[in-house]
Protein backbone atom coordinates (compact mmCIF):
# COMPACT_ATOMS: atom_id res chain seq x y z
CA MET A 1 29.76 186.06 -43.17
CA ASP A 2 30.44 187.91 -46.42
CA PHE A 3 31.26 186.08 -49.60
CA ASP A 4 33.08 188.04 -52.27
CA GLU A 5 31.88 186.53 -55.55
CA SER A 6 34.64 188.27 -57.46
CA SER A 7 37.24 186.21 -55.61
CA VAL A 8 35.82 182.90 -56.82
CA LYS A 9 37.82 181.57 -59.73
CA VAL A 10 36.04 179.24 -62.12
CA VAL A 11 38.43 177.01 -64.04
CA THR A 12 37.06 176.17 -67.46
CA GLN A 13 37.12 172.47 -68.18
CA GLU A 14 39.96 171.82 -70.57
CA PHE A 15 38.92 168.46 -72.00
CA THR A 16 35.77 166.50 -72.62
CA ALA A 17 36.23 162.75 -72.34
CA ILE A 18 34.50 160.51 -74.87
CA VAL A 19 34.07 156.95 -73.61
CA LEU A 20 32.96 154.45 -76.23
CA ALA A 21 30.99 151.43 -75.03
CA GLY A 22 30.25 149.21 -78.02
CA PHE A 23 28.47 145.90 -78.49
CA GLY A 24 31.52 143.85 -77.51
CA THR A 25 31.44 141.35 -80.37
CA ASP A 26 34.99 140.39 -79.41
CA LEU A 27 33.65 138.89 -76.16
CA VAL A 28 30.84 136.77 -77.61
CA PRO A 29 29.17 134.69 -76.18
CA LEU A 30 29.52 136.64 -72.88
CA THR A 31 28.01 139.72 -74.54
CA SER A 32 25.27 137.87 -76.44
CA ASN A 33 21.74 138.78 -75.38
CA GLN A 34 19.94 136.67 -72.83
CA GLY A 35 16.58 136.48 -74.53
CA GLU A 36 15.40 140.07 -74.82
CA GLU A 37 17.89 141.33 -72.24
CA PRO A 38 21.21 142.73 -73.56
CA CYS A 39 24.52 141.97 -71.86
CA PRO A 40 26.54 145.20 -72.31
CA LYS A 41 30.27 144.73 -72.56
CA ALA A 42 30.83 147.85 -70.43
CA LEU A 43 29.14 146.19 -67.45
CA LEU A 44 31.01 142.88 -67.56
CA PRO A 45 32.87 142.55 -64.25
CA ILE A 46 36.61 142.62 -63.73
CA ALA A 47 37.25 141.39 -60.18
CA ASN A 48 33.54 141.88 -59.42
CA LYS A 49 33.59 145.54 -60.56
CA PRO A 50 31.95 146.64 -63.83
CA MET A 51 34.56 147.09 -66.53
CA LEU A 52 33.41 150.69 -66.99
CA ASP A 53 34.56 151.54 -63.45
CA TYR A 54 38.21 151.42 -64.44
CA PRO A 55 38.30 154.09 -67.21
CA LEU A 56 35.90 156.30 -65.23
CA SER A 57 38.18 156.15 -62.17
CA TRP A 58 41.15 156.91 -64.44
CA LEU A 59 39.42 160.00 -65.81
CA GLU A 60 38.37 161.28 -62.40
CA SER A 61 41.85 160.92 -60.95
CA SER A 62 43.22 163.10 -63.80
CA GLY A 63 40.87 165.98 -62.99
CA ILE A 64 38.58 165.55 -66.00
CA ARG A 65 34.94 166.18 -65.13
CA ASP A 66 32.86 166.13 -68.34
CA VAL A 67 32.27 162.68 -69.81
CA LEU A 68 30.32 161.88 -72.96
CA LEU A 69 29.50 158.18 -72.66
CA ILE A 70 28.29 156.69 -75.95
CA CYS A 71 26.64 153.28 -76.21
CA PRO A 72 24.33 151.42 -78.63
CA SER A 73 20.66 152.21 -78.03
CA PRO A 74 19.78 148.67 -76.82
CA HIS A 75 22.26 149.09 -73.96
CA LYS A 76 21.02 152.48 -72.77
CA ALA A 77 18.65 151.27 -70.04
CA ALA A 78 21.20 148.96 -68.39
CA ILE A 79 24.06 151.47 -68.51
CA SER A 80 21.83 154.35 -67.40
CA HIS A 81 20.71 152.31 -64.40
CA TYR A 82 24.34 151.65 -63.56
CA ILE A 83 25.60 155.25 -63.77
CA HIS A 84 22.64 156.56 -61.77
CA SER A 85 22.81 153.87 -59.10
CA GLY A 86 23.92 154.86 -55.63
CA SER A 87 27.17 152.91 -55.80
CA SER A 88 28.23 154.51 -59.08
CA ILE A 89 27.37 158.05 -57.98
CA SER A 90 29.35 157.64 -54.76
CA SER A 91 32.29 156.15 -56.68
CA PHE A 92 32.56 159.06 -59.14
CA PRO A 93 31.08 162.10 -57.38
CA SER A 94 32.88 164.69 -59.49
CA LEU A 95 32.09 163.26 -62.94
CA ARG A 96 29.33 164.74 -65.06
CA ILE A 97 28.33 161.82 -67.27
CA ASP A 98 26.24 162.56 -70.35
CA LEU A 99 24.91 159.24 -71.67
CA GLN A 100 24.15 159.27 -75.39
CA VAL A 101 23.14 156.48 -77.72
CA TYR A 102 24.08 155.78 -81.29
CA ASP A 103 21.63 153.82 -83.41
CA GLU A 104 23.84 151.08 -84.74
CA SER A 105 23.39 147.37 -85.06
CA LEU A 106 25.66 144.39 -85.00
CA GLU A 107 25.14 144.08 -88.74
CA SER A 108 25.89 147.72 -89.61
CA GLY A 109 29.36 147.71 -88.05
CA ASP A 110 29.55 151.49 -87.78
CA GLY A 111 33.08 152.50 -86.83
CA THR A 112 34.51 154.98 -84.35
CA CYS A 113 34.90 157.64 -87.05
CA ASP A 114 31.17 157.55 -87.81
CA VAL A 115 30.34 157.90 -84.11
CA LEU A 116 32.68 160.89 -83.72
CA ARG A 117 31.24 162.63 -86.77
CA HIS A 118 27.75 162.12 -85.37
CA PHE A 119 28.58 163.72 -82.00
CA ALA A 120 31.11 166.32 -83.18
CA HIS A 121 28.60 169.13 -82.62
CA ARG A 122 28.67 168.39 -78.88
CA LEU A 123 32.40 169.10 -78.61
CA THR A 124 33.62 172.67 -78.47
CA GLY A 125 37.15 172.04 -77.25
CA ASP A 126 39.91 169.45 -77.09
CA PHE A 127 38.89 165.93 -76.16
CA VAL A 128 40.12 162.61 -74.81
CA LEU A 129 38.90 159.50 -76.60
CA LEU A 130 39.06 156.16 -74.79
CA PRO A 131 37.31 152.79 -74.79
CA CYS A 132 35.29 151.28 -71.96
CA ASP A 133 37.58 148.26 -71.88
CA PHE A 134 41.00 149.73 -71.05
CA VAL A 135 42.19 148.76 -67.56
CA PRO A 136 45.28 150.85 -66.70
CA SER A 137 47.93 150.01 -64.16
CA PRO A 138 47.75 152.06 -60.94
CA SER A 139 51.15 153.49 -61.87
CA PHE A 140 49.90 154.74 -65.26
CA ASN A 141 48.30 158.11 -64.62
CA LEU A 142 46.27 159.70 -67.40
CA SER A 143 47.84 163.06 -66.46
CA ARG A 144 51.06 161.78 -68.02
CA VAL A 145 49.34 161.64 -71.41
CA LEU A 146 47.48 164.92 -70.89
CA ASP A 147 50.62 166.81 -69.89
CA LYS A 148 52.54 165.64 -72.96
CA PHE A 149 49.69 166.82 -75.16
CA ARG A 150 49.44 170.17 -73.32
CA GLY A 151 53.11 170.99 -73.73
CA GLU A 152 53.53 169.92 -77.33
CA ALA A 153 50.20 171.26 -78.61
CA ASN A 154 51.02 174.75 -77.41
CA TYR A 155 54.75 174.90 -78.18
CA ASP A 156 55.09 173.33 -81.60
CA GLY A 157 51.60 172.67 -82.90
CA ALA A 158 51.27 168.96 -82.10
CA ILE A 159 47.71 167.80 -82.77
CA ALA A 160 47.29 164.56 -80.82
CA THR A 161 48.88 162.22 -78.29
CA ALA A 162 48.31 158.46 -78.24
CA ALA A 163 48.87 156.00 -75.40
CA PHE A 164 50.42 152.59 -75.99
CA TYR A 165 51.21 149.84 -73.51
CA GLU A 166 53.83 147.14 -73.67
CA THR A 167 52.59 143.57 -73.50
CA ALA A 168 54.40 141.16 -71.23
CA LYS A 169 55.56 137.82 -72.57
CA THR A 170 52.78 135.28 -72.27
CA ASP A 171 52.76 131.53 -71.92
CA LYS A 172 51.46 130.40 -75.30
CA SER A 173 50.41 127.05 -73.86
CA ALA A 174 47.91 128.89 -71.64
CA ILE A 175 46.14 130.51 -74.61
CA ILE A 176 42.88 128.80 -75.53
CA GLU A 177 42.81 128.93 -79.33
CA GLU A 178 39.22 127.68 -79.45
CA TRP A 179 38.16 130.99 -77.85
CA GLY A 180 39.48 132.91 -80.85
CA VAL A 181 42.80 133.93 -82.32
CA PRO A 182 44.36 136.86 -80.42
CA PRO A 183 44.81 140.13 -82.35
CA PRO A 184 48.08 140.25 -84.31
CA GLN A 185 50.94 142.27 -82.86
CA LEU A 186 51.60 144.86 -85.54
CA PRO A 187 54.74 147.04 -85.78
CA VAL A 188 54.73 150.54 -84.34
CA VAL A 189 57.39 153.09 -85.31
CA TRP A 190 58.22 156.09 -83.13
CA ASP A 191 60.97 158.57 -82.33
CA ASP A 192 62.08 157.99 -78.75
CA ARG A 193 63.89 161.30 -78.28
CA THR A 194 60.86 163.47 -79.05
CA GLY A 195 58.16 160.94 -78.20
CA THR A 196 56.64 161.13 -81.67
CA LEU A 197 54.40 158.45 -83.17
CA LEU A 198 55.53 157.98 -86.78
CA HIS A 199 53.83 154.91 -88.20
CA VAL A 200 51.22 152.38 -87.09
CA ASP A 201 51.02 149.26 -89.19
CA THR A 202 47.55 147.89 -89.87
CA GLU A 203 46.11 144.53 -90.83
CA ASP A 204 45.59 145.86 -94.36
CA ASP A 205 49.30 146.69 -94.54
CA ARG A 206 50.12 143.19 -93.40
CA ASP A 207 47.75 141.64 -95.95
CA ARG A 208 49.34 143.66 -98.76
CA ASN A 209 52.91 142.92 -97.75
CA GLY A 210 53.25 140.64 -94.76
CA GLU A 211 57.03 140.30 -94.97
CA GLU A 212 58.10 143.93 -95.27
CA LEU A 213 57.43 147.21 -93.48
CA GLU A 214 57.00 150.12 -95.88
CA LEU A 215 58.32 153.47 -94.62
CA THR A 216 58.75 156.63 -96.68
CA MET A 217 62.10 158.35 -97.17
CA SER A 218 60.65 161.58 -95.80
CA LEU A 219 59.96 159.83 -92.49
CA LEU A 220 63.46 158.34 -92.24
CA THR A 221 65.07 161.62 -93.28
CA ARG A 222 63.24 163.62 -90.64
CA TYR A 223 63.60 160.94 -87.93
CA PRO A 224 66.74 158.90 -88.72
CA ARG A 225 66.86 157.29 -85.25
CA ALA A 226 63.31 155.94 -85.28
CA LYS A 227 62.55 152.82 -83.26
CA MET A 228 60.23 149.94 -84.08
CA SER A 229 58.50 147.35 -81.93
CA ALA A 230 55.77 144.75 -82.31
CA SER A 231 55.27 144.37 -78.56
CA LEU A 232 53.33 147.64 -78.16
CA GLN A 233 49.54 147.58 -78.08
CA ASP A 234 47.37 150.58 -78.80
CA ALA A 235 45.37 151.46 -75.68
CA HIS A 236 42.91 153.32 -77.94
CA VAL A 237 43.44 156.35 -75.69
CA TYR A 238 43.92 159.55 -77.69
CA VAL A 239 44.09 163.18 -76.60
CA CYS A 240 43.21 165.34 -79.60
CA LYS A 241 42.68 168.93 -80.60
CA ARG A 242 39.14 169.86 -81.54
CA SER A 243 40.38 170.51 -85.08
CA VAL A 244 40.99 166.76 -85.52
CA LEU A 245 37.22 166.39 -85.81
CA ASP A 246 37.19 168.97 -88.61
CA ILE A 247 39.60 166.97 -90.72
CA LEU A 248 37.64 163.82 -89.88
CA GLN A 249 34.60 165.40 -91.50
CA GLU A 250 36.61 165.84 -94.70
CA LYS A 251 37.88 162.27 -94.58
CA SER A 252 34.38 160.87 -94.77
CA ASP A 253 35.55 157.53 -96.19
CA PHE A 254 37.39 156.64 -92.97
CA ASP A 255 35.57 154.16 -90.75
CA SER A 256 38.07 152.98 -88.13
CA PHE A 257 39.83 155.59 -85.99
CA ARG A 258 42.64 153.18 -85.11
CA GLU A 259 43.03 151.29 -88.39
CA GLU A 260 42.58 154.18 -90.82
CA PHE A 261 42.54 157.65 -89.27
CA ILE A 262 45.48 157.45 -86.84
CA PRO A 263 47.86 155.98 -89.49
CA TRP A 264 46.82 158.82 -91.83
CA LEU A 265 47.15 161.43 -89.08
CA CYS A 266 50.80 160.47 -88.61
CA LYS A 267 51.72 161.45 -92.18
CA PRO A 268 51.37 165.28 -92.22
CA GLN A 269 54.15 165.61 -89.62
CA TYR A 270 56.82 164.42 -92.06
CA SER A 271 55.11 165.02 -95.42
CA SER A 272 55.57 168.65 -96.53
CA ARG A 273 52.78 168.33 -99.08
CA LYS A 274 50.22 167.12 -96.54
CA ARG A 275 51.50 169.59 -93.95
CA ALA A 276 50.93 172.50 -96.32
CA LYS A 277 47.52 171.19 -97.34
CA TYR A 278 46.09 170.50 -93.88
CA ALA A 279 47.96 172.90 -91.57
CA ASN A 280 45.19 175.49 -91.39
CA ILE A 281 42.58 172.85 -90.55
CA LEU A 282 44.56 170.74 -88.09
CA ASN A 283 46.20 173.65 -86.30
CA PRO A 284 44.35 176.93 -86.88
CA PRO A 285 46.09 180.03 -85.44
CA ALA A 286 43.24 180.62 -82.95
CA ASN A 287 44.28 177.50 -81.05
CA THR A 288 47.16 179.37 -79.41
CA SER A 289 44.71 181.18 -77.14
CA THR A 290 44.19 177.96 -75.16
CA HIS A 291 47.74 178.06 -73.83
CA HIS A 292 46.90 179.63 -70.46
CA MET A 293 44.19 177.07 -69.82
CA SER A 294 46.67 174.25 -70.45
CA LEU A 295 49.07 175.76 -67.92
CA GLU A 296 46.31 175.95 -65.31
CA HIS A 297 45.66 172.22 -65.62
CA SER A 298 49.14 170.85 -66.29
CA THR A 299 50.80 168.96 -63.46
CA THR A 300 54.29 169.49 -64.90
CA TYR A 301 54.20 173.27 -65.37
CA ILE A 302 57.34 175.03 -64.11
CA PRO A 303 56.62 178.64 -62.99
CA SER A 304 60.16 179.82 -63.78
CA HIS A 305 59.35 179.62 -67.48
CA THR A 306 56.35 181.93 -67.19
CA HIS A 307 58.00 184.94 -68.82
CA SER A 308 59.28 183.08 -71.89
CA VAL A 309 55.97 181.28 -72.27
CA ARG A 310 54.05 184.56 -72.22
CA GLU A 311 56.39 186.12 -74.77
CA HIS A 312 56.03 183.04 -76.97
CA LEU A 313 52.23 183.24 -76.69
CA ARG A 314 52.13 186.97 -77.42
CA GLU A 315 54.24 186.48 -80.52
CA ASP A 316 51.95 183.68 -81.72
CA ILE A 317 48.86 185.83 -81.20
CA ARG A 318 50.43 188.85 -82.96
CA THR A 319 51.36 186.64 -85.90
CA ALA A 320 47.89 185.08 -86.04
CA THR A 321 45.96 188.35 -85.91
CA SER A 322 48.15 190.80 -87.80
CA SER A 323 48.28 189.14 -91.22
CA PRO A 324 46.94 186.21 -93.24
CA VAL A 325 48.70 182.91 -92.62
CA ASP A 326 51.46 182.00 -95.03
CA LEU A 327 51.35 178.24 -95.56
CA THR A 328 55.05 178.17 -96.39
CA GLU A 329 55.98 179.82 -93.10
CA ARG A 330 53.58 177.66 -91.09
CA ASP A 331 55.03 174.60 -92.81
CA GLU A 332 58.25 175.23 -90.90
CA SER A 333 56.81 176.37 -87.56
CA VAL A 334 53.89 173.97 -87.09
CA SER A 335 54.85 170.34 -86.54
CA LEU A 336 51.39 168.70 -86.65
CA ARG A 337 53.05 165.97 -84.62
CA VAL A 338 51.31 162.99 -83.05
CA GLY A 339 52.89 162.28 -79.69
CA ILE A 340 53.22 158.87 -78.08
CA VAL A 341 53.30 157.84 -74.42
CA ILE A 342 54.45 154.28 -73.73
CA HIS A 343 53.57 152.41 -70.57
CA ARG A 344 56.16 149.69 -70.05
CA SER A 345 55.21 146.27 -68.67
CA SER A 346 57.82 146.71 -65.93
CA GLU A 347 55.76 149.67 -64.63
CA GLY A 348 52.68 147.55 -64.00
CA TYR A 349 50.12 145.41 -65.79
CA ALA A 350 47.74 147.17 -68.16
CA ALA A 351 45.52 145.67 -70.83
CA ARG A 352 42.43 146.04 -72.95
CA VAL A 353 39.59 143.58 -72.49
CA ASN A 354 39.33 142.93 -76.22
CA THR A 355 39.49 139.11 -76.09
CA LEU A 356 38.04 136.42 -73.88
CA GLN A 357 41.57 135.45 -72.93
CA ASN A 358 42.31 139.00 -71.73
CA PHE A 359 39.05 139.01 -69.76
CA LEU A 360 40.14 135.87 -67.94
CA ASP A 361 43.74 137.05 -67.47
CA LEU A 362 42.72 140.45 -66.04
CA ASN A 363 40.41 138.83 -63.51
CA ARG A 364 43.20 136.48 -62.47
CA HIS A 365 45.63 139.39 -62.27
CA PHE A 366 43.47 141.20 -59.71
CA LEU A 367 43.32 138.05 -57.60
CA ASN A 368 47.07 138.42 -57.11
CA GLN A 369 46.55 141.95 -55.78
CA VAL A 370 44.18 140.96 -52.97
CA SER A 371 44.23 138.53 -50.09
CA TRP A 372 41.16 136.33 -49.69
CA THR A 373 38.37 138.75 -50.52
CA LEU A 374 35.14 137.51 -48.93
CA PRO A 375 31.97 139.52 -48.29
CA THR A 376 32.20 141.70 -45.21
CA ASP A 377 28.53 141.66 -44.18
CA SER A 378 27.33 139.00 -41.74
CA GLU A 379 24.43 137.86 -43.95
CA SER A 380 26.74 136.96 -46.85
CA ARG A 381 29.35 135.36 -44.60
CA ALA A 382 26.67 133.13 -43.09
CA LEU A 383 25.97 131.69 -46.56
CA ILE A 384 29.51 130.29 -46.83
CA ASP A 385 29.77 126.90 -45.16
CA PRO A 386 32.67 126.58 -42.70
CA LYS A 387 33.65 123.28 -44.33
CA ALA A 388 34.09 124.91 -47.75
CA GLN A 389 37.72 125.29 -48.83
CA ILE A 390 38.35 128.72 -50.40
CA SER A 391 41.92 129.68 -51.27
CA SER A 392 43.37 133.02 -50.24
CA ASP A 393 43.64 134.09 -53.90
CA SER A 394 39.91 133.81 -54.58
CA MET A 395 37.09 136.37 -54.51
CA ILE A 396 33.47 135.73 -53.52
CA GLY A 397 30.63 138.18 -54.25
CA TYR A 398 27.86 139.27 -51.90
CA THR A 399 25.00 136.88 -51.00
CA THR A 400 26.67 133.96 -52.77
CA LYS A 401 26.04 130.58 -51.16
CA VAL A 402 28.90 128.08 -50.96
CA SER A 403 28.00 124.64 -49.61
CA GLU A 404 30.07 122.18 -47.60
CA LYS A 405 33.09 120.33 -48.93
CA THR A 406 33.28 122.62 -51.96
CA SER A 407 36.76 123.68 -53.12
CA ILE A 408 37.41 127.07 -54.79
CA LYS A 409 40.92 128.05 -55.95
CA LYS A 410 42.19 131.08 -57.90
CA SER A 411 38.69 132.06 -58.97
CA VAL A 412 36.34 135.06 -59.04
CA ILE A 413 32.76 134.24 -58.04
CA GLY A 414 30.08 136.89 -58.62
CA LYS A 415 27.06 137.98 -56.57
CA HIS A 416 23.94 135.95 -55.78
CA CYS A 417 25.38 132.64 -56.96
CA VAL A 418 24.47 129.21 -55.52
CA ILE A 419 27.26 126.64 -55.37
CA GLY A 420 26.35 123.13 -54.24
CA LYS A 421 28.19 120.48 -52.26
CA MET A 422 31.52 118.90 -53.25
CA VAL A 423 31.96 121.26 -56.21
CA LYS A 424 35.49 121.89 -57.49
CA ILE A 425 36.28 125.26 -59.11
CA VAL A 426 39.82 126.15 -60.25
CA GLY A 427 40.96 129.26 -62.16
CA CYS A 428 37.45 130.35 -63.17
CA VAL A 429 35.46 133.57 -63.53
CA ILE A 430 31.79 133.04 -62.64
CA LEU A 431 29.43 135.96 -63.21
CA ASP A 432 26.37 136.85 -61.11
CA HIS A 433 23.35 134.61 -60.49
CA CYS A 434 24.98 131.35 -61.57
CA VAL A 435 23.91 127.98 -60.14
CA ILE A 436 26.42 125.13 -59.88
CA GLU A 437 24.94 121.91 -58.57
CA ASP A 438 26.50 119.19 -56.40
CA GLY A 439 29.64 117.45 -57.59
CA ALA A 440 30.29 119.64 -60.64
CA LYS A 441 33.88 120.34 -61.72
CA LEU A 442 35.03 123.54 -63.45
CA ASP A 443 38.57 124.31 -64.60
CA GLY A 444 39.62 127.56 -66.34
CA CYS A 445 36.08 128.51 -67.34
CA ILE A 446 34.11 131.74 -67.74
CA LEU A 447 30.41 131.41 -66.96
CA GLY A 448 28.03 134.11 -68.17
CA THR A 449 25.28 135.52 -65.95
CA ASN A 450 22.52 133.05 -64.96
CA THR A 451 24.43 130.00 -66.20
CA LYS A 452 23.31 126.70 -64.66
CA VAL A 453 25.67 123.73 -64.37
CA GLY A 454 24.01 120.44 -63.52
CA ALA A 455 25.15 117.92 -60.95
CA LYS A 456 28.43 116.12 -61.69
CA ALA A 457 28.89 118.01 -64.97
CA GLU A 458 32.48 118.76 -66.00
CA LEU A 459 33.66 121.86 -67.86
CA SER A 460 37.26 122.56 -68.82
CA ARG A 461 38.34 125.86 -70.44
CA CYS A 462 34.79 126.69 -71.58
CA VAL A 463 32.90 129.98 -71.82
CA THR A 464 29.10 130.18 -71.66
CA GLN A 465 26.49 132.66 -72.82
CA ALA A 466 24.20 134.17 -70.19
CA GLY A 467 21.39 131.76 -69.37
CA TYR A 468 23.11 128.64 -70.72
CA GLU A 469 22.23 125.34 -69.01
CA VAL A 470 24.66 122.43 -68.79
CA GLU A 471 22.76 119.23 -68.16
CA ALA A 472 23.68 116.95 -65.26
CA GLY A 473 26.62 114.69 -66.10
CA GLU A 474 27.52 116.51 -69.34
CA SER A 475 31.18 117.16 -70.19
CA PHE A 476 32.67 119.91 -72.39
CA LYS A 477 36.26 120.99 -73.10
CA ASN A 478 37.59 124.09 -74.91
CA GLU A 479 34.11 125.15 -76.02
CA LYS A 480 32.11 128.33 -76.53
CA LEU A 481 28.65 127.34 -75.32
CA ASP A 482 25.80 129.56 -76.48
CA VAL A 483 22.09 129.31 -75.92
CA SER A 484 21.21 128.78 -79.58
CA ASP A 485 23.23 125.55 -79.66
CA TRP A 486 21.64 124.40 -76.41
CA THR A 487 18.05 125.10 -77.55
CA VAL A 488 18.65 123.47 -80.93
CA HIS A 489 19.99 120.43 -79.10
CA GLN A 490 16.92 120.31 -76.89
CA GLY A 491 14.59 120.82 -79.86
CA GLY A 492 16.42 118.19 -81.86
CA SER A 493 15.78 115.59 -79.19
CA ASP A 494 12.06 116.37 -79.23
CA ASP A 495 11.88 116.22 -83.02
CA THR A 496 13.56 112.82 -83.05
CA GLY A 497 11.07 111.53 -80.55
CA ASP A 498 8.17 112.80 -82.67
CA GLU A 499 9.57 111.13 -85.78
CA ASP A 500 9.96 107.80 -83.93
CA ALA A 501 6.41 108.06 -82.67
CA ALA A 502 5.14 108.75 -86.17
CA GLY A 503 7.06 105.75 -87.44
CA ASP A 504 5.53 103.51 -84.79
CA GLU A 505 2.03 104.72 -85.74
CA SER A 506 2.63 104.02 -89.45
CA GLU A 507 3.79 100.51 -88.65
């Protein structure tokens, strides 16, 4: 059989995805180290699947292949083991994952801008930036964001597209304030007709003037029908031109991509002064040559427009190559817009796992999507006692033992756990390798890996660090339980005993 090599068409990858997997300080104590072993946020399970699975699946379904996964150096071994494991490779066969580490510490607090500057040399084209903790709805396809960027970047010089999701109304009585105050819902301003992001309020803006929203006249003049909402949350998903990294190098004082850089990036589109100053950096004329590649990848391309598109491209190329760029002319033709794609709550549940409450809510959400998920292998099924009562909206991991007369309702139980007799578990998320002894009661709790709960102990709306031990008969409510408190408590008891003994000797 003859193979004609000339007939094989290689499609150049249009985007590189950058997935950021940080320390996860917002999920402490779940992400606190267990001794010398780190507990990476990216590997915390949502419905017994590592959190990282969800953005990786989202990327693969959109056709993106090249992924730059960046994590702190202490997490490299655990995440590397995960992405090279057989289950991960079979789950994402088409992804090429390049794992890189960034030497940061919890104390340094290096922001996203610093990380992007550090790895900018690895990016030669446009990129998609997203966090490891965004869990999209099945109805929210990443191609929707990519296609908006493709069209606008090539037709009017838009430089980025951001994804936001609408938060559904929550029952405030169900929020556990002791777990931490949820992030404030800050106003977002956009133009609905063109899908343009105009203004993103920040916590600094709120601190300066908490009662008023400051918008410039140039914004309102250019977009007089702008809309505003405080119910939109930033998914931290951005599709950007490569040139965005060039301007980021100039803005070396920016630390947070979301809190500082994105609000600044919105301004050149309606500020003539900034547009004239940064047009050549943010949208250099050479970028028009990427138009054909965008059409090859776009899922909304309409062939009937091919002729006009080609003429438009030829004119752009002639203008770019025939004479030096006139900033005044480019000021009118290049928009430097930042697009916005909004996923409405009515289209499906999406959220970021940026609070303990969201971690619990997302796990509970997936329980409503399944019907009594028990292990399928005979060995694991044999470990579940027939007299155990497990509700149809619960999930049990592989090789987890559930003893007789135990009741489990609306809960996610991880792998390799041991649950004793007459235990009651309601509305909980229990991670792998936990031990819950006879007669214990748990309500609305999150237990970190290797947590041990003693016999007849009672926990209500508590979250534990990996390796925490609850003594038999102890009772806690609305608590964050970390190992340091537990060891201090144990050491304190010993010290008291020593002091008493010394006192007896002196007497």
